[in-house]
């Protein structure tokens, strides 16, 4: 889990998820909700990934509220494309 985000283990509001993330640049560490597509498992995330369209399989933490009031997800780890 990200070091600067703390999840309440008794709540399911903020949790880790498998996802496909639209990311033109993979240097970002947080993504707006509309850039994240949650998946049921790792296999589904890898299957839906499309690096040519900048959609990458990842493990994310969220959703969380930003200071601007948006729901965001934090990157936990990118999954290796095509592996």
N, C-alpha and C. Protein backbone atom coordinates (compact mmCIF):
# COMPACT_ATOMS: atom_id res chain seq x y z
N UNK A 1 0.84 -1.18 0.00
CA UNK A 1 0.00 0.00 0.00
C UNK A 1 0.88 1.24 0.00
N UNK A 2 0.40 2.31 -0.63
CA UNK A 2 1.18 3.54 -0.64
C UNK A 2 1.45 4.01 0.77
N UNK A 3 2.66 4.52 0.98
CA UNK A 3 3.07 4.93 2.31
C UNK A 3 2.31 6.13 2.84
N UNK A 4 1.88 7.04 1.96
CA UNK A 4 1.23 8.26 2.42
C UNK A 4 -0.30 8.20 2.43
N UNK A 5 -0.86 7.05 2.08
CA UNK A 5 -2.31 6.86 2.11
C UNK A 5 -2.60 5.74 3.10
N UNK A 6 -3.50 6.01 4.02
CA UNK A 6 -3.84 5.02 5.02
C UNK A 6 -5.28 4.58 4.83
N UNK A 7 -5.50 3.29 4.75
CA UNK A 7 -6.84 2.76 4.58
C UNK A 7 -7.32 2.17 5.90
N UNK A 8 -8.57 2.41 6.20
CA UNK A 8 -9.20 1.83 7.37
C UNK A 8 -9.52 0.38 7.05
N UNK A 9 -8.90 -0.55 7.74
CA UNK A 9 -9.08 -1.96 7.45
C UNK A 9 -10.51 -2.44 7.71
N UNK A 10 -11.29 -1.68 8.46
CA UNK A 10 -12.67 -2.05 8.76
C UNK A 10 -13.66 -1.42 7.79
N UNK A 11 -13.16 -0.67 6.84
CA UNK A 11 -14.01 -0.01 5.87
C UNK A 11 -13.61 -0.44 4.47
N UNK A 12 -14.58 -0.47 3.57
CA UNK A 12 -14.28 -0.84 2.19
C UNK A 12 -14.30 0.38 1.27
N UNK A 13 -14.30 1.58 1.85
CA UNK A 13 -14.38 2.79 1.04
C UNK A 13 -13.10 2.98 0.23
N UNK A 14 -11.95 2.99 0.88
CA UNK A 14 -10.66 3.10 0.19
C UNK A 14 -9.99 1.74 0.27
N UNK A 15 -9.74 1.14 -0.90
CA UNK A 15 -9.15 -0.20 -0.94
C UNK A 15 -8.30 -0.35 -2.19
N UNK A 16 -7.49 -1.39 -2.22
CA UNK A 16 -6.72 -1.68 -3.42
C UNK A 16 -7.59 -2.41 -4.43
N UNK A 17 -7.37 -2.09 -5.71
CA UNK A 17 -8.14 -2.69 -6.80
C UNK A 17 -7.23 -2.99 -7.98
N UNK A 18 -7.60 -4.00 -8.77
CA UNK A 18 -7.00 -4.20 -10.08
C UNK A 18 -7.71 -3.24 -11.01
N UNK A 19 -6.99 -2.68 -11.97
CA UNK A 19 -7.61 -1.68 -12.84
C UNK A 19 -6.85 -1.54 -14.14
N UNK A 20 -7.51 -0.88 -15.08
CA UNK A 20 -6.87 -0.40 -16.30
C UNK A 20 -6.90 1.12 -16.19
N UNK A 21 -5.74 1.73 -16.36
CA UNK A 21 -5.61 3.17 -16.18
C UNK A 21 -5.21 3.82 -17.50
N UNK A 22 -5.96 4.84 -17.90
CA UNK A 22 -5.57 5.63 -19.06
C UNK A 22 -4.49 6.60 -18.59
N UNK A 23 -3.29 6.45 -19.15
CA UNK A 23 -2.17 7.28 -18.72
C UNK A 23 -1.29 7.63 -19.90
N UNK A 24 -1.42 8.84 -20.45
CA UNK A 24 -0.54 9.25 -21.54
C UNK A 24 0.94 9.20 -21.14
N UNK A 25 1.22 9.54 -19.89
CA UNK A 25 2.57 9.43 -19.33
C UNK A 25 2.50 8.60 -18.06
N UNK A 26 3.33 7.62 -17.95
CA UNK A 26 3.26 6.73 -16.78
C UNK A 26 4.01 7.27 -15.57
N UNK A 27 4.40 8.54 -15.57
CA UNK A 27 5.10 9.12 -14.43
C UNK A 27 4.13 9.56 -13.33
N UNK A 28 2.88 9.69 -13.63
CA UNK A 28 1.90 10.17 -12.65
C UNK A 28 1.68 9.14 -11.55
N UNK A 29 1.31 9.62 -10.40
CA UNK A 29 1.06 8.74 -9.26
C UNK A 29 -0.40 8.75 -8.81
N UNK A 30 -1.20 9.65 -9.36
CA UNK A 30 -2.63 9.68 -9.02
C UNK A 30 -3.43 10.00 -10.27
N UNK A 31 -4.66 9.47 -10.30
CA UNK A 31 -5.48 9.56 -11.50
C UNK A 31 -6.92 9.86 -11.13
N UNK A 32 -7.55 10.72 -11.91
CA UNK A 32 -8.96 11.02 -11.72
C UNK A 32 -9.79 9.76 -11.97
N UNK A 33 -10.92 9.70 -11.33
CA UNK A 33 -11.80 8.53 -11.43
C UNK A 33 -12.14 8.18 -12.89
N UNK A 34 -12.29 9.18 -13.75
CA UNK A 34 -12.67 8.90 -15.13
C UNK A 34 -11.54 8.29 -15.96
N UNK A 35 -10.34 8.21 -15.41
CA UNK A 35 -9.19 7.58 -16.09
C UNK A 35 -8.97 6.14 -15.62
N UNK A 36 -9.77 5.68 -14.67
CA UNK A 36 -9.57 4.37 -14.05
C UNK A 36 -10.77 3.48 -14.30
N UNK A 37 -10.51 2.29 -14.82
CA UNK A 37 -11.55 1.28 -15.02
C UNK A 37 -11.24 0.10 -14.11
N UNK A 38 -12.06 -0.09 -13.08
CA UNK A 38 -11.81 -1.18 -12.14
C UNK A 38 -12.10 -2.53 -12.77
N UNK A 39 -11.32 -3.54 -12.38
CA UNK A 39 -11.46 -4.90 -12.92
C UNK A 39 -11.63 -5.88 -11.77
N UNK A 40 -12.19 -7.04 -12.07
CA UNK A 40 -12.44 -8.05 -11.05
C UNK A 40 -11.16 -8.70 -10.54
N UNK A 41 -10.17 -8.86 -11.42
CA UNK A 41 -8.94 -9.52 -11.02
C UNK A 41 -7.79 -9.11 -11.93
N UNK A 42 -6.61 -9.61 -11.62
CA UNK A 42 -5.41 -9.26 -12.39
C UNK A 42 -5.53 -9.69 -13.84
N UNK A 43 -6.05 -10.88 -14.07
CA UNK A 43 -6.17 -11.40 -15.44
C UNK A 43 -7.06 -10.48 -16.30
N UNK A 44 -8.16 -10.02 -15.74
CA UNK A 44 -9.04 -9.12 -16.48
C UNK A 44 -8.34 -7.80 -16.78
N UNK A 45 -7.60 -7.27 -15.81
CA UNK A 45 -6.88 -6.01 -16.03
C UNK A 45 -5.86 -6.17 -17.14
N UNK A 46 -5.12 -7.26 -17.14
CA UNK A 46 -4.13 -7.50 -18.19
C UNK A 46 -4.80 -7.67 -19.55
N UNK A 47 -5.94 -8.35 -19.57
CA UNK A 47 -6.65 -8.58 -20.83
C UNK A 47 -7.18 -7.27 -21.43
N UNK A 48 -7.69 -6.39 -20.60
CA UNK A 48 -8.28 -5.14 -21.08
C UNK A 48 -7.24 -4.06 -21.39
N UNK A 49 -6.01 -4.25 -20.93
CA UNK A 49 -4.96 -3.26 -21.17
C UNK A 49 -4.69 -3.15 -22.67
N UNK A 50 -4.38 -1.93 -23.10
CA UNK A 50 -4.05 -1.67 -24.50
C UNK A 50 -2.99 -0.57 -24.52
N UNK A 51 -1.71 -0.96 -24.40
CA UNK A 51 -0.64 0.04 -24.33
C UNK A 51 -0.63 0.99 -25.53
N UNK A 52 -1.01 0.53 -26.70
CA UNK A 52 -1.03 1.41 -27.88
C UNK A 52 -2.04 2.55 -27.69
N UNK A 53 -3.09 2.30 -26.93
CA UNK A 53 -4.10 3.32 -26.63
C UNK A 53 -3.84 3.98 -25.27
N UNK A 54 -2.66 3.71 -24.71
CA UNK A 54 -2.23 4.27 -23.42
C UNK A 54 -3.11 3.83 -22.26
N UNK A 55 -3.61 2.62 -22.35
CA UNK A 55 -4.42 2.02 -21.26
C UNK A 55 -3.59 0.88 -20.67
N UNK A 56 -3.16 1.05 -19.42
CA UNK A 56 -2.22 0.14 -18.78
C UNK A 56 -2.83 -0.56 -17.57
N UNK A 57 -2.52 -1.84 -17.43
CA UNK A 57 -2.96 -2.60 -16.26
C UNK A 57 -2.17 -2.15 -15.04
N UNK A 58 -2.88 -2.03 -13.93
CA UNK A 58 -2.23 -1.53 -12.71
C UNK A 58 -2.97 -2.01 -11.47
N UNK A 59 -2.34 -1.80 -10.35
CA UNK A 59 -2.96 -1.97 -9.03
C UNK A 59 -3.10 -0.56 -8.49
N UNK A 60 -4.32 -0.17 -8.06
CA UNK A 60 -4.57 1.19 -7.58
C UNK A 60 -5.22 1.16 -6.19
N UNK A 61 -5.12 2.29 -5.52
CA UNK A 61 -5.71 2.46 -4.19
C UNK A 61 -6.72 3.60 -4.27
N UNK A 62 -7.94 3.34 -3.81
CA UNK A 62 -8.93 4.41 -3.84
C UNK A 62 -10.34 3.86 -3.79
N UNK A 63 -11.31 4.67 -4.05
CA UNK A 63 -11.19 6.09 -4.36
C UNK A 63 -10.99 6.93 -3.10
N UNK A 64 -10.38 8.06 -3.30
CA UNK A 64 -10.13 9.02 -2.24
C UNK A 64 -10.58 10.38 -2.75
N UNK A 65 -10.84 11.30 -1.86
CA UNK A 65 -11.24 12.66 -2.27
C UNK A 65 -10.02 13.55 -2.33
N UNK A 66 -9.87 14.26 -3.44
CA UNK A 66 -8.79 15.24 -3.56
C UNK A 66 -9.21 16.53 -2.88
N UNK A 67 -8.27 17.45 -2.74
CA UNK A 67 -8.60 18.74 -2.14
C UNK A 67 -9.55 19.54 -3.02
N UNK A 68 -9.62 19.19 -4.30
CA UNK A 68 -10.54 19.86 -5.23
C UNK A 68 -11.92 19.21 -5.22
N UNK A 69 -12.10 18.14 -4.44
CA UNK A 69 -13.39 17.47 -4.35
C UNK A 69 -13.59 16.36 -5.36
N UNK A 70 -12.54 16.03 -6.13
CA UNK A 70 -12.64 14.95 -7.11
C UNK A 70 -12.31 13.61 -6.47
N UNK A 71 -12.88 12.55 -7.03
CA UNK A 71 -12.52 11.20 -6.57
C UNK A 71 -11.30 10.77 -7.37
N UNK A 72 -10.25 10.34 -6.66
CA UNK A 72 -9.01 9.97 -7.32
C UNK A 72 -8.53 8.60 -6.84
N UNK A 73 -7.69 8.00 -7.66
CA UNK A 73 -7.04 6.73 -7.33
C UNK A 73 -5.54 6.95 -7.35
N UNK A 74 -4.84 6.31 -6.42
CA UNK A 74 -3.39 6.38 -6.34
C UNK A 74 -2.79 5.12 -6.91
N UNK A 75 -1.72 5.26 -7.67
CA UNK A 75 -1.02 4.12 -8.24
C UNK A 75 -0.29 3.35 -7.15
N UNK A 76 -0.52 2.05 -7.09
CA UNK A 76 0.25 1.17 -6.21
C UNK A 76 1.39 0.57 -7.03
N UNK A 77 1.05 0.02 -8.22
CA UNK A 77 2.07 -0.57 -9.09
C UNK A 77 1.51 -0.75 -10.49
N UNK A 78 2.37 -0.54 -11.48
CA UNK A 78 2.03 -0.89 -12.86
C UNK A 78 2.28 -2.37 -13.03
N UNK A 79 1.43 -3.05 -13.80
CA UNK A 79 1.69 -4.44 -14.16
C UNK A 79 2.47 -4.40 -15.46
N UNK A 80 3.36 -5.33 -15.64
CA UNK A 80 4.16 -5.36 -16.86
C UNK A 80 3.25 -5.65 -18.04
N UNK A 81 3.26 -4.79 -19.04
CA UNK A 81 2.45 -4.98 -20.25
C UNK A 81 2.88 -6.23 -20.99
N UNK A 82 1.89 -7.04 -21.32
CA UNK A 82 2.15 -8.22 -22.12
C UNK A 82 2.79 -9.37 -21.40
N UNK A 83 2.93 -9.29 -20.08
CA UNK A 83 3.55 -10.43 -19.37
C UNK A 83 2.53 -11.16 -18.52
